[in-house]
Amino acid sequence: MTRTWTLPTLFVLCGSVVAAGPAIGGSPGEAAAILLVFSLLAAVNSPLVFPRSIGAPEARRRSAADGRPVVYWRPGCAYCLRLRFRLGRSARQLHWVNIWRDPAGAVAVREANGGDETVPTVVVAGRPHTNPDPEWVRGQLPPST
């Protein structure tokens, strides 16, 4: 669990160190701006940006029941962020598995990618797709009723 928060924590700590210089030098506005930028970077790279993650077995079970894709992801992955932001509200309709929190999810990703933990890996109807186009993923969602 701590691994998922390493990058956001580093952003906050580095931002605090960088902002300390202007703050000590008598420029609190500049220090606040620097801290704000680093805090935003921390937020974007945190697990909070993604819908709630579930375990891989549960995601597979739910996907079999409702036909929605399963997305394997990890914090700090630029391609995962791209997928998440480009999907917008549709992202909540998918089943998200954080491979850093779920060992079974990491195993599923390695099996789908020849031993590599390449994310995002989206599984649709049992077939894995590595780093697919977000519009394609949106098209795989079942129609809303």
Foldseek 3Di string as FASTA:
>chain_A
DVVLQPVLVVLQVVLQVVLVVCVVVPNNVVSVVSNVVSNVVSVLQHPVLADDADEPVVLVVVCVVQQAKEWEAAGPDPLVSVLSVVLPPVRNQHHYHDCVVYVVSQVVCCVLPVRDSADGWIAGPNHTDGSDDSVVNSVSHDDDD
